[in-house]
N, C-alpha and C. Protein backbone atom coordinates (compact mmCIF):
# COMPACT_ATOMS: atom_id res chain seq x y z
N UNK A 1 -9.28 -56.42 104.60
CA UNK A 1 -8.87 -55.10 104.09
C UNK A 1 -7.47 -54.77 104.56
N UNK A 2 -6.69 -54.16 103.69
CA UNK A 2 -5.35 -53.70 104.05
C UNK A 2 -5.49 -52.32 104.69
N UNK A 3 -5.25 -52.21 105.98
CA UNK A 3 -5.42 -50.96 106.70
C UNK A 3 -4.40 -49.91 106.27
N UNK A 4 -3.15 -50.32 106.16
CA UNK A 4 -2.10 -49.40 105.70
C UNK A 4 -0.90 -50.20 105.22
N UNK A 5 -0.03 -49.53 104.48
CA UNK A 5 1.26 -50.12 104.13
C UNK A 5 2.35 -49.21 104.71
N UNK A 6 3.36 -49.85 105.27
CA UNK A 6 4.46 -49.11 105.88
C UNK A 6 5.75 -49.56 105.22
N UNK A 7 6.40 -48.63 104.54
CA UNK A 7 7.62 -48.97 103.84
C UNK A 7 8.26 -47.73 103.24
N UNK A 8 9.27 -47.95 102.40
CA UNK A 8 10.00 -46.84 101.80
C UNK A 8 9.42 -46.48 100.43
N UNK A 9 9.36 -45.18 100.16
CA UNK A 9 8.90 -44.71 98.86
C UNK A 9 9.97 -45.05 97.83
N UNK A 10 9.62 -45.89 96.87
CA UNK A 10 10.58 -46.39 95.89
C UNK A 10 10.46 -45.69 94.55
N UNK A 11 9.23 -45.28 94.19
CA UNK A 11 9.01 -44.70 92.85
C UNK A 11 7.75 -43.84 92.88
N UNK A 12 7.77 -42.75 92.11
CA UNK A 12 6.62 -41.85 92.02
C UNK A 12 6.21 -41.70 90.56
N UNK A 13 4.95 -41.98 90.29
CA UNK A 13 4.38 -41.85 88.95
C UNK A 13 3.33 -40.76 88.97
N UNK A 14 2.77 -40.42 87.80
CA UNK A 14 1.73 -39.41 87.73
C UNK A 14 0.51 -39.78 88.57
N UNK A 15 0.21 -41.09 88.66
CA UNK A 15 -1.01 -41.50 89.31
C UNK A 15 -0.79 -42.34 90.57
N UNK A 16 0.42 -42.81 90.79
CA UNK A 16 0.63 -43.70 91.93
C UNK A 16 2.05 -43.59 92.47
N UNK A 17 2.24 -44.17 93.65
CA UNK A 17 3.57 -44.33 94.23
C UNK A 17 3.79 -45.82 94.44
N UNK A 18 5.06 -46.21 94.48
CA UNK A 18 5.40 -47.59 94.81
C UNK A 18 6.05 -47.59 96.19
N UNK A 19 5.47 -48.35 97.10
CA UNK A 19 5.99 -48.45 98.46
C UNK A 19 6.66 -49.81 98.62
N UNK A 20 7.95 -49.78 98.94
CA UNK A 20 8.74 -51.00 99.13
C UNK A 20 8.56 -51.49 100.57
N UNK A 21 7.83 -52.59 100.71
CA UNK A 21 7.61 -53.17 102.04
C UNK A 21 8.38 -54.48 102.11
N UNK A 22 9.53 -54.44 102.73
CA UNK A 22 10.37 -55.63 102.88
C UNK A 22 10.62 -56.34 101.55
N UNK A 23 10.92 -55.54 100.53
CA UNK A 23 11.27 -56.12 99.24
C UNK A 23 10.11 -56.36 98.30
N UNK A 24 8.89 -56.07 98.76
CA UNK A 24 7.70 -56.20 97.91
C UNK A 24 7.19 -54.80 97.58
N UNK A 25 7.06 -54.50 96.29
CA UNK A 25 6.62 -53.16 95.88
C UNK A 25 5.11 -53.09 95.73
N UNK A 26 4.45 -52.26 96.54
CA UNK A 26 3.01 -52.06 96.46
C UNK A 26 2.71 -50.82 95.61
N UNK A 27 1.93 -50.99 94.55
CA UNK A 27 1.50 -49.86 93.72
C UNK A 27 0.26 -49.25 94.38
N UNK A 28 0.40 -47.99 94.81
CA UNK A 28 -0.68 -47.33 95.54
C UNK A 28 -1.09 -46.06 94.80
N UNK A 29 -2.32 -46.02 94.33
CA UNK A 29 -2.83 -44.86 93.61
C UNK A 29 -3.20 -43.76 94.59
N UNK A 30 -2.81 -42.52 94.25
CA UNK A 30 -3.01 -41.40 95.17
C UNK A 30 -3.62 -40.20 94.43
N UNK A 31 -4.25 -39.32 95.21
CA UNK A 31 -4.79 -38.10 94.63
C UNK A 31 -3.66 -37.21 94.10
N UNK A 32 -2.56 -37.15 94.85
CA UNK A 32 -1.41 -36.35 94.45
C UNK A 32 -0.14 -37.09 94.86
N UNK A 33 0.35 -37.98 94.00
CA UNK A 33 1.53 -38.78 94.35
C UNK A 33 2.75 -37.94 94.71
N UNK A 34 2.82 -36.71 94.19
CA UNK A 34 4.02 -35.90 94.39
C UNK A 34 4.16 -35.37 95.82
N UNK A 35 3.14 -35.59 96.65
CA UNK A 35 3.32 -35.21 98.06
C UNK A 35 4.39 -36.06 98.71
N UNK A 36 4.74 -37.18 98.07
CA UNK A 36 5.77 -38.06 98.61
C UNK A 36 7.17 -37.79 98.04
N UNK A 37 7.30 -36.71 97.26
CA UNK A 37 8.59 -36.41 96.65
C UNK A 37 9.70 -36.27 97.69
N UNK A 38 9.38 -35.62 98.79
CA UNK A 38 10.38 -35.43 99.84
C UNK A 38 10.63 -36.66 100.68
N UNK A 39 9.89 -37.74 100.40
CA UNK A 39 10.02 -38.96 101.19
C UNK A 39 10.70 -40.10 100.44
N UNK A 40 11.31 -39.80 99.29
CA UNK A 40 11.96 -40.86 98.53
C UNK A 40 12.96 -41.62 99.39
N UNK A 41 12.86 -42.94 99.35
CA UNK A 41 13.73 -43.84 100.12
C UNK A 41 13.61 -43.64 101.63
N UNK A 42 12.49 -43.06 102.03
CA UNK A 42 12.21 -42.88 103.45
C UNK A 42 10.97 -43.69 103.81
N UNK A 43 10.93 -44.22 105.02
CA UNK A 43 9.79 -45.03 105.44
C UNK A 43 8.59 -44.15 105.75
N UNK A 44 7.45 -44.51 105.19
CA UNK A 44 6.20 -43.77 105.41
C UNK A 44 5.08 -44.76 105.72
N UNK A 45 4.00 -44.24 106.25
CA UNK A 45 2.78 -45.02 106.42
C UNK A 45 1.73 -44.44 105.48
N UNK A 46 1.16 -45.28 104.63
CA UNK A 46 0.11 -44.85 103.71
C UNK A 46 -1.15 -45.65 104.04
N UNK A 47 -2.20 -44.94 104.44
CA UNK A 47 -3.47 -45.59 104.76
C UNK A 47 -4.16 -45.96 103.44
N UNK A 48 -4.67 -47.17 103.36
CA UNK A 48 -5.10 -47.69 102.06
C UNK A 48 -6.57 -48.10 102.02
N UNK A 49 -7.09 -48.10 100.80
CA UNK A 49 -8.41 -48.62 100.51
C UNK A 49 -8.25 -49.60 99.35
N UNK A 50 -8.66 -50.84 99.56
CA UNK A 50 -8.52 -51.87 98.53
C UNK A 50 -9.79 -51.90 97.69
N UNK A 51 -9.67 -51.43 96.47
CA UNK A 51 -10.81 -51.35 95.55
C UNK A 51 -10.83 -52.59 94.67
N UNK A 52 -11.89 -53.38 94.77
CA UNK A 52 -11.97 -54.64 94.03
C UNK A 52 -13.24 -54.67 93.19
N UNK A 53 -13.07 -54.89 91.90
CA UNK A 53 -14.17 -55.10 90.98
C UNK A 53 -13.82 -56.27 90.07
N UNK A 54 -14.75 -56.70 89.27
CA UNK A 54 -14.50 -57.84 88.39
C UNK A 54 -13.30 -57.61 87.50
N UNK A 55 -13.14 -56.37 87.04
CA UNK A 55 -12.07 -56.05 86.09
C UNK A 55 -10.93 -55.25 86.70
N UNK A 56 -10.93 -55.08 88.02
CA UNK A 56 -9.88 -54.26 88.62
C UNK A 56 -9.67 -54.63 90.09
N UNK A 57 -8.42 -54.50 90.52
CA UNK A 57 -8.06 -54.65 91.93
C UNK A 57 -6.92 -53.68 92.20
N UNK A 58 -7.23 -52.58 92.89
CA UNK A 58 -6.25 -51.52 93.09
C UNK A 58 -6.21 -51.09 94.56
N UNK A 59 -5.02 -50.63 94.96
CA UNK A 59 -4.87 -50.00 96.27
C UNK A 59 -4.85 -48.49 96.09
N UNK A 60 -5.67 -47.80 96.87
CA UNK A 60 -5.65 -46.34 96.88
C UNK A 60 -5.09 -45.89 98.22
N UNK A 61 -4.23 -44.86 98.19
CA UNK A 61 -3.54 -44.46 99.40
C UNK A 61 -3.83 -43.04 99.82
N UNK A 62 -3.73 -42.79 101.16
CA UNK A 62 -4.07 -41.51 101.74
C UNK A 62 -3.15 -41.20 102.91
N UNK A 63 -2.98 -39.90 103.16
CA UNK A 63 -2.12 -39.47 104.25
C UNK A 63 -2.75 -39.73 105.61
N UNK A 64 -4.08 -39.77 105.67
CA UNK A 64 -4.76 -39.95 106.95
C UNK A 64 -5.98 -40.85 106.79
N UNK A 65 -6.46 -41.34 107.89
CA UNK A 65 -7.67 -42.17 107.88
C UNK A 65 -8.89 -41.33 107.51
N UNK A 66 -8.88 -40.06 107.90
CA UNK A 66 -10.01 -39.19 107.59
C UNK A 66 -10.14 -38.97 106.08
N UNK A 67 -9.01 -38.77 105.40
CA UNK A 67 -9.06 -38.62 103.95
C UNK A 67 -9.61 -39.89 103.30
N UNK A 68 -9.18 -41.02 103.81
CA UNK A 68 -9.67 -42.27 103.28
C UNK A 68 -11.18 -42.41 103.51
N UNK A 69 -11.64 -42.00 104.66
CA UNK A 69 -13.07 -42.10 104.97
C UNK A 69 -13.88 -41.22 104.03
N UNK A 70 -13.38 -40.02 103.72
CA UNK A 70 -14.08 -39.14 102.78
C UNK A 70 -14.10 -39.76 101.39
N UNK A 71 -12.99 -40.37 101.00
CA UNK A 71 -12.91 -41.07 99.71
C UNK A 71 -13.98 -42.16 99.63
N UNK A 72 -14.12 -42.94 100.69
CA UNK A 72 -15.10 -44.02 100.72
C UNK A 72 -16.52 -43.47 100.61
N UNK A 73 -16.78 -42.36 101.29
CA UNK A 73 -18.12 -41.78 101.21
C UNK A 73 -18.42 -41.25 99.80
N UNK A 74 -17.40 -40.69 99.16
CA UNK A 74 -17.59 -40.20 97.79
C UNK A 74 -17.87 -41.37 96.84
N UNK A 75 -17.22 -42.50 97.07
CA UNK A 75 -17.44 -43.66 96.23
C UNK A 75 -18.88 -44.17 96.31
N UNK A 76 -19.54 -43.90 97.42
CA UNK A 76 -20.91 -44.35 97.60
C UNK A 76 -21.93 -43.51 96.84
N UNK A 77 -21.45 -42.39 96.27
CA UNK A 77 -22.35 -41.51 95.50
C UNK A 77 -22.45 -42.03 94.07
N UNK A 78 -23.65 -42.21 93.60
CA UNK A 78 -23.86 -42.67 92.23
C UNK A 78 -23.23 -41.68 91.24
N UNK A 79 -22.42 -42.20 90.33
CA UNK A 79 -21.78 -41.35 89.33
C UNK A 79 -20.34 -40.98 89.66
N UNK A 80 -19.87 -41.35 90.85
CA UNK A 80 -18.49 -41.05 91.24
C UNK A 80 -17.71 -42.34 91.41
N UNK A 81 -16.66 -42.50 90.63
CA UNK A 81 -15.78 -43.65 90.75
C UNK A 81 -14.49 -43.24 91.44
N UNK A 82 -13.53 -44.15 91.53
CA UNK A 82 -12.27 -43.85 92.21
C UNK A 82 -11.53 -42.65 91.62
N UNK A 83 -11.48 -42.56 90.27
CA UNK A 83 -10.77 -41.45 89.65
C UNK A 83 -11.41 -40.12 90.00
N UNK A 84 -12.74 -40.07 89.96
CA UNK A 84 -13.45 -38.85 90.31
C UNK A 84 -13.26 -38.47 91.77
N UNK A 85 -13.30 -39.47 92.65
CA UNK A 85 -13.11 -39.20 94.08
C UNK A 85 -11.71 -38.67 94.35
N UNK A 86 -10.70 -39.24 93.67
CA UNK A 86 -9.33 -38.75 93.85
C UNK A 86 -9.19 -37.33 93.35
N UNK A 87 -9.84 -36.99 92.22
CA UNK A 87 -9.76 -35.64 91.68
C UNK A 87 -10.32 -34.63 92.66
N UNK A 88 -11.38 -35.03 93.36
CA UNK A 88 -11.98 -34.14 94.35
C UNK A 88 -11.04 -33.95 95.55
N UNK A 89 -10.39 -35.02 95.97
CA UNK A 89 -9.48 -34.94 97.11
C UNK A 89 -8.17 -34.25 96.76
N UNK A 90 -7.80 -34.25 95.48
CA UNK A 90 -6.48 -33.76 95.07
C UNK A 90 -6.28 -32.28 95.31
N UNK A 91 -7.35 -31.53 95.46
CA UNK A 91 -7.22 -30.08 95.64
C UNK A 91 -6.48 -29.73 96.91
N UNK A 92 -6.41 -30.67 97.85
CA UNK A 92 -5.75 -30.36 99.12
C UNK A 92 -6.64 -29.52 100.02
N UNK A 93 -7.88 -29.26 99.59
CA UNK A 93 -8.81 -28.45 100.35
C UNK A 93 -10.15 -29.20 100.52
N UNK A 94 -10.11 -30.41 101.07
CA UNK A 94 -11.36 -31.19 101.19
C UNK A 94 -12.40 -30.51 102.06
N UNK A 95 -11.96 -29.61 102.98
CA UNK A 95 -12.96 -28.93 103.80
C UNK A 95 -13.85 -28.04 102.95
N UNK A 96 -13.34 -27.56 101.79
CA UNK A 96 -14.17 -26.78 100.87
C UNK A 96 -15.26 -27.66 100.26
N UNK A 97 -14.90 -28.90 100.00
CA UNK A 97 -15.88 -29.84 99.44
C UNK A 97 -16.98 -30.09 100.47
N UNK A 98 -16.58 -30.30 101.71
CA UNK A 98 -17.55 -30.54 102.78
C UNK A 98 -18.47 -29.33 102.92
N UNK A 99 -17.89 -28.14 102.90
CA UNK A 99 -18.69 -26.91 103.03
C UNK A 99 -19.66 -26.76 101.86
N UNK A 100 -19.17 -27.08 100.64
CA UNK A 100 -20.02 -26.96 99.46
C UNK A 100 -21.21 -27.90 99.53
N UNK A 101 -20.98 -29.10 100.05
CA UNK A 101 -22.06 -30.07 100.18
C UNK A 101 -23.07 -29.59 101.24
N UNK A 102 -22.56 -29.13 102.36
CA UNK A 102 -23.44 -28.66 103.43
C UNK A 102 -24.24 -27.43 103.00
N UNK A 103 -23.61 -26.57 102.18
CA UNK A 103 -24.28 -25.34 101.71
C UNK A 103 -25.07 -25.55 100.42
N UNK A 104 -25.05 -26.79 99.91
CA UNK A 104 -25.74 -27.13 98.66
C UNK A 104 -25.23 -26.26 97.50
N UNK A 105 -23.92 -26.07 97.46
CA UNK A 105 -23.29 -25.24 96.43
C UNK A 105 -22.94 -26.10 95.21
N UNK A 106 -23.92 -26.32 94.35
CA UNK A 106 -23.71 -27.15 93.17
C UNK A 106 -22.70 -26.54 92.22
N UNK A 107 -22.67 -25.23 92.12
CA UNK A 107 -21.76 -24.54 91.20
C UNK A 107 -20.31 -24.86 91.52
N UNK A 108 -19.98 -24.91 92.80
CA UNK A 108 -18.61 -25.25 93.20
C UNK A 108 -18.29 -26.69 92.88
N UNK A 109 -19.21 -27.60 93.18
CA UNK A 109 -18.97 -29.03 93.00
C UNK A 109 -18.81 -29.40 91.53
N UNK A 110 -19.49 -28.71 90.63
CA UNK A 110 -19.40 -29.04 89.20
C UNK A 110 -18.08 -28.59 88.58
N UNK A 111 -17.22 -27.93 89.34
CA UNK A 111 -15.91 -27.53 88.82
C UNK A 111 -14.92 -28.69 88.81
N UNK A 112 -15.27 -29.77 89.51
CA UNK A 112 -14.39 -30.94 89.50
C UNK A 112 -14.63 -31.75 88.23
N UNK A 113 -13.57 -32.32 87.64
CA UNK A 113 -13.74 -33.10 86.41
C UNK A 113 -14.66 -34.29 86.63
N UNK A 114 -15.60 -34.46 85.69
CA UNK A 114 -16.51 -35.59 85.77
C UNK A 114 -17.73 -35.38 86.65
N UNK A 115 -17.82 -34.20 87.29
CA UNK A 115 -18.96 -33.90 88.15
C UNK A 115 -19.88 -32.91 87.45
N UNK A 116 -21.00 -33.41 86.95
CA UNK A 116 -22.01 -32.55 86.35
C UNK A 116 -23.05 -32.15 87.37
N UNK A 117 -24.08 -31.46 86.91
CA UNK A 117 -25.12 -31.00 87.83
C UNK A 117 -25.83 -32.17 88.51
N UNK A 118 -26.08 -33.22 87.76
CA UNK A 118 -26.77 -34.38 88.32
C UNK A 118 -25.95 -35.04 89.43
N UNK A 119 -24.64 -35.21 89.17
CA UNK A 119 -23.77 -35.83 90.18
C UNK A 119 -23.61 -34.93 91.39
N UNK A 120 -23.48 -33.61 91.15
CA UNK A 120 -23.36 -32.66 92.26
C UNK A 120 -24.60 -32.73 93.15
N UNK A 121 -25.77 -32.82 92.51
CA UNK A 121 -27.02 -32.90 93.26
C UNK A 121 -27.07 -34.19 94.07
N UNK A 122 -26.56 -35.27 93.46
CA UNK A 122 -26.55 -36.56 94.16
C UNK A 122 -25.61 -36.53 95.35
N UNK A 123 -24.46 -35.85 95.21
CA UNK A 123 -23.52 -35.71 96.32
C UNK A 123 -24.19 -35.03 97.50
N UNK A 124 -24.94 -33.98 97.20
CA UNK A 124 -25.61 -33.23 98.27
C UNK A 124 -26.69 -34.09 98.93
N UNK A 125 -27.47 -34.79 98.11
CA UNK A 125 -28.54 -35.63 98.65
C UNK A 125 -28.00 -36.76 99.52
N UNK A 126 -26.88 -37.35 99.07
CA UNK A 126 -26.33 -38.52 99.77
C UNK A 126 -25.48 -38.16 100.98
N UNK A 127 -24.80 -37.00 100.93
CA UNK A 127 -23.77 -36.74 101.93
C UNK A 127 -24.05 -35.58 102.87
N UNK A 128 -24.99 -34.73 102.54
CA UNK A 128 -25.24 -33.58 103.42
C UNK A 128 -25.60 -34.06 104.82
N UNK A 129 -24.95 -33.47 105.81
CA UNK A 129 -25.19 -33.84 107.20
C UNK A 129 -24.38 -35.01 107.69
N UNK A 130 -23.61 -35.62 106.77
CA UNK A 130 -22.83 -36.81 107.14
C UNK A 130 -21.32 -36.56 107.11
N UNK A 131 -20.92 -35.32 106.81
CA UNK A 131 -19.49 -35.05 106.62
C UNK A 131 -18.93 -33.99 107.57
N UNK A 132 -19.75 -33.39 108.38
CA UNK A 132 -19.29 -32.27 109.21
C UNK A 132 -18.17 -32.67 110.16
N UNK A 133 -18.11 -33.94 110.53
CA UNK A 133 -17.04 -34.40 111.42
C UNK A 133 -15.68 -34.30 110.76
N UNK A 134 -15.66 -34.25 109.40
CA UNK A 134 -14.38 -34.21 108.70
C UNK A 134 -13.77 -32.81 108.68
N UNK A 135 -14.55 -31.79 108.83
CA UNK A 135 -14.07 -30.43 108.57
C UNK A 135 -12.84 -30.03 109.38
N UNK A 136 -12.79 -30.27 110.70
CA UNK A 136 -11.60 -29.84 111.44
C UNK A 136 -10.35 -30.61 111.07
N UNK A 137 -10.50 -31.91 110.78
CA UNK A 137 -9.33 -32.76 110.61
C UNK A 137 -8.78 -32.79 109.20
N UNK A 138 -9.56 -32.30 108.23
CA UNK A 138 -9.11 -32.37 106.85
C UNK A 138 -8.57 -31.06 106.32
N UNK A 139 -8.44 -30.06 107.17
CA UNK A 139 -7.92 -28.79 106.69
C UNK A 139 -6.44 -28.95 106.37
N UNK A 140 -6.10 -28.71 105.12
CA UNK A 140 -4.73 -28.89 104.65
C UNK A 140 -3.87 -27.68 104.92
N UNK A 141 -2.57 -27.77 104.65
CA UNK A 141 -1.68 -26.65 104.85
C UNK A 141 -1.98 -25.53 103.87
N UNK A 142 -1.82 -24.30 104.35
CA UNK A 142 -2.00 -23.14 103.48
C UNK A 142 -0.63 -22.59 103.11
N UNK A 143 -0.40 -22.44 101.84
CA UNK A 143 0.89 -21.96 101.38
C UNK A 143 0.82 -20.46 101.09
N UNK A 144 1.66 -19.70 101.75
CA UNK A 144 1.79 -18.28 101.44
C UNK A 144 2.93 -18.14 100.46
N UNK A 145 2.61 -18.09 99.19
CA UNK A 145 3.61 -18.17 98.15
C UNK A 145 3.80 -16.84 97.44
N UNK A 146 5.03 -16.51 97.02
CA UNK A 146 5.29 -15.26 96.32
C UNK A 146 4.64 -15.27 94.95
N UNK A 147 4.12 -14.09 94.54
CA UNK A 147 3.47 -13.98 93.24
C UNK A 147 4.21 -13.03 92.31
N UNK A 148 5.36 -12.53 92.75
CA UNK A 148 6.04 -11.53 91.95
C UNK A 148 7.19 -12.10 91.12
N UNK A 149 7.38 -13.40 91.14
CA UNK A 149 8.43 -13.99 90.34
C UNK A 149 7.92 -14.18 88.93
N UNK A 150 8.76 -14.08 87.93
CA UNK A 150 8.33 -14.26 86.56
C UNK A 150 9.36 -15.08 85.81
N UNK A 151 8.87 -15.89 84.89
CA UNK A 151 9.76 -16.69 84.06
C UNK A 151 9.06 -17.04 82.78
N UNK A 152 9.77 -17.13 81.71
CA UNK A 152 9.17 -17.45 80.42
C UNK A 152 9.26 -18.95 80.16
N UNK A 153 9.93 -19.65 81.03
CA UNK A 153 10.11 -21.08 80.84
C UNK A 153 9.22 -21.86 81.78
N UNK A 154 8.82 -23.03 81.34
CA UNK A 154 8.07 -23.94 82.20
C UNK A 154 9.05 -24.96 82.77
N UNK A 155 9.11 -25.00 84.08
CA UNK A 155 10.06 -25.90 84.73
C UNK A 155 9.60 -27.34 84.61
N UNK A 156 10.51 -28.25 84.87
CA UNK A 156 10.15 -29.67 84.82
C UNK A 156 9.12 -30.00 85.89
N UNK A 157 9.20 -29.28 87.03
CA UNK A 157 8.22 -29.51 88.10
C UNK A 157 6.82 -29.11 87.63
N UNK A 158 6.74 -27.97 86.91
CA UNK A 158 5.44 -27.53 86.40
C UNK A 158 4.93 -28.46 85.31
N UNK A 159 5.82 -28.95 84.49
CA UNK A 159 5.43 -29.90 83.44
C UNK A 159 4.84 -31.17 84.08
N UNK A 160 5.50 -31.65 85.13
CA UNK A 160 4.99 -32.83 85.84
C UNK A 160 3.61 -32.55 86.44
N UNK A 161 3.46 -31.34 86.99
CA UNK A 161 2.18 -30.97 87.59
C UNK A 161 1.07 -30.93 86.53
N UNK A 162 1.38 -30.40 85.36
CA UNK A 162 0.40 -30.33 84.27
C UNK A 162 -0.03 -31.73 83.84
N UNK A 163 0.94 -32.63 83.73
CA UNK A 163 0.60 -34.01 83.36
C UNK A 163 -0.26 -34.66 84.44
N UNK A 164 0.02 -34.34 85.70
CA UNK A 164 -0.78 -34.90 86.80
C UNK A 164 -2.22 -34.38 86.74
N UNK A 165 -2.39 -33.11 86.38
CA UNK A 165 -3.73 -32.53 86.24
C UNK A 165 -4.50 -33.23 85.13
N UNK A 166 -3.81 -33.53 84.04
CA UNK A 166 -4.46 -34.24 82.94
C UNK A 166 -4.88 -35.64 83.39
N UNK A 167 -4.03 -36.28 84.20
CA UNK A 167 -4.35 -37.62 84.69
C UNK A 167 -5.57 -37.60 85.60
N UNK A 168 -5.80 -36.47 86.26
CA UNK A 168 -6.96 -36.34 87.13
C UNK A 168 -8.24 -36.06 86.35
N UNK A 169 -8.09 -35.70 85.06
CA UNK A 169 -9.27 -35.49 84.24
C UNK A 169 -9.49 -34.08 83.76
N UNK A 170 -8.60 -33.15 84.13
CA UNK A 170 -8.76 -31.77 83.66
C UNK A 170 -8.33 -31.67 82.20
N UNK A 171 -9.07 -30.88 81.42
CA UNK A 171 -8.80 -30.77 79.98
C UNK A 171 -7.77 -29.67 79.73
N UNK A 172 -7.14 -29.74 78.55
CA UNK A 172 -6.05 -28.82 78.21
C UNK A 172 -6.51 -27.37 78.21
N UNK A 173 -7.74 -27.13 77.78
CA UNK A 173 -8.26 -25.76 77.73
C UNK A 173 -8.26 -25.13 79.12
N UNK A 174 -8.68 -25.91 80.12
CA UNK A 174 -8.71 -25.41 81.50
C UNK A 174 -7.29 -25.17 82.02
N UNK A 175 -6.41 -26.10 81.71
CA UNK A 175 -5.03 -26.01 82.21
C UNK A 175 -4.31 -24.81 81.62
N UNK A 176 -4.56 -24.54 80.34
CA UNK A 176 -3.89 -23.41 79.67
C UNK A 176 -4.25 -22.08 80.31
N UNK A 177 -5.46 -21.98 80.86
CA UNK A 177 -5.90 -20.73 81.47
C UNK A 177 -5.08 -20.37 82.71
N UNK A 178 -4.62 -21.38 83.42
CA UNK A 178 -3.92 -21.11 84.68
C UNK A 178 -2.41 -21.25 84.59
N UNK A 179 -1.90 -21.81 83.48
CA UNK A 179 -0.46 -22.04 83.35
C UNK A 179 0.36 -20.76 83.49
N UNK A 180 -0.05 -19.63 82.86
CA UNK A 180 0.75 -18.39 83.01
C UNK A 180 0.90 -17.96 84.47
N UNK A 181 -0.14 -18.14 85.27
CA UNK A 181 -0.05 -17.78 86.68
C UNK A 181 0.94 -18.68 87.40
N UNK A 182 0.87 -19.96 87.09
CA UNK A 182 1.76 -20.91 87.76
C UNK A 182 3.21 -20.68 87.37
N UNK A 183 3.44 -20.29 86.10
CA UNK A 183 4.81 -20.12 85.61
C UNK A 183 5.53 -18.96 86.29
N UNK A 184 4.79 -18.12 86.98
CA UNK A 184 5.40 -16.99 87.69
C UNK A 184 6.03 -17.41 89.01
N UNK A 185 5.78 -18.64 89.41
CA UNK A 185 6.26 -19.10 90.71
C UNK A 185 7.24 -20.25 90.57
N UNK A 186 8.13 -20.37 91.53
CA UNK A 186 9.07 -21.49 91.59
C UNK A 186 8.64 -22.38 92.75
N UNK A 187 8.00 -23.49 92.40
CA UNK A 187 7.43 -24.38 93.41
C UNK A 187 7.85 -25.81 93.14
N UNK A 188 7.58 -26.67 94.10
CA UNK A 188 7.76 -28.10 93.88
C UNK A 188 6.56 -28.60 93.08
N UNK A 189 6.66 -29.79 92.53
CA UNK A 189 5.55 -30.35 91.76
C UNK A 189 4.29 -30.46 92.62
N UNK A 190 4.45 -30.91 93.83
CA UNK A 190 3.32 -31.04 94.76
C UNK A 190 2.63 -29.70 94.96
N UNK A 191 3.43 -28.65 95.19
CA UNK A 191 2.87 -27.33 95.43
C UNK A 191 2.21 -26.76 94.17
N UNK A 192 2.81 -27.04 93.01
CA UNK A 192 2.19 -26.61 91.75
C UNK A 192 0.81 -27.23 91.59
N UNK A 193 0.70 -28.52 91.89
CA UNK A 193 -0.58 -29.21 91.75
C UNK A 193 -1.63 -28.60 92.67
N UNK A 194 -1.27 -28.38 93.91
CA UNK A 194 -2.21 -27.80 94.87
C UNK A 194 -2.63 -26.40 94.45
N UNK A 195 -1.64 -25.60 94.02
CA UNK A 195 -1.96 -24.23 93.59
C UNK A 195 -2.83 -24.25 92.34
N UNK A 196 -2.52 -25.13 91.40
CA UNK A 196 -3.30 -25.23 90.16
C UNK A 196 -4.75 -25.60 90.47
N UNK A 197 -4.94 -26.54 91.37
CA UNK A 197 -6.31 -26.96 91.72
C UNK A 197 -7.07 -25.84 92.40
N UNK A 198 -6.38 -25.03 93.17
CA UNK A 198 -7.04 -23.87 93.78
C UNK A 198 -7.50 -22.88 92.71
N UNK A 199 -6.64 -22.66 91.70
CA UNK A 199 -7.01 -21.77 90.59
C UNK A 199 -8.17 -22.35 89.79
N UNK A 200 -8.12 -23.64 89.52
CA UNK A 200 -9.16 -24.28 88.71
C UNK A 200 -10.53 -24.21 89.36
N UNK A 201 -10.55 -24.26 90.66
CA UNK A 201 -11.83 -24.20 91.38
C UNK A 201 -12.41 -22.79 91.39
N UNK A 202 -11.60 -21.81 90.98
CA UNK A 202 -12.08 -20.42 90.94
C UNK A 202 -12.48 -19.98 89.53
N UNK A 203 -12.18 -20.82 88.52
CA UNK A 203 -12.50 -20.45 87.13
C UNK A 203 -14.02 -20.40 86.95
């Protein structure tokens, strides 16, 4: 198993980043590739999970070992694949996922793309009582962002964020509901994605 890759961020796509390790570019799929926007051409460490199937061989990357461990546990749930696990992690609030599982909050879990009632129930059955160790270490940064800015235009950063949400599996109808709120703020693509996911989980 590849424990991590250490190199410079060379390229950022909707679904992955390319890490240049001594002249070799590693394609690493991430929940939110835009978190590396500020690290372009800077050396980073990305903790990885090598996903191998008959028809696929991909590297998935994470900021911490704990995030990777949660990803692995989600993969063990019947009905959840890598894309679904990444969509759950992309909210930047994995401690909410842990709490929802512990509290058997199916309604919250079904807000993630690809998670129906059956899958939510399976997550609770498989993972309840096995994730509490993650709660302190997976709490993400909280952004205190201004809400009084207004603009009639959608910035390129917001456009990128919308495309990233689609790549995670959210449908256009859901995205349209929150776009006006997002357009009132001037944020980075990474921050737009995190804010959008917070709104989507409240719909």
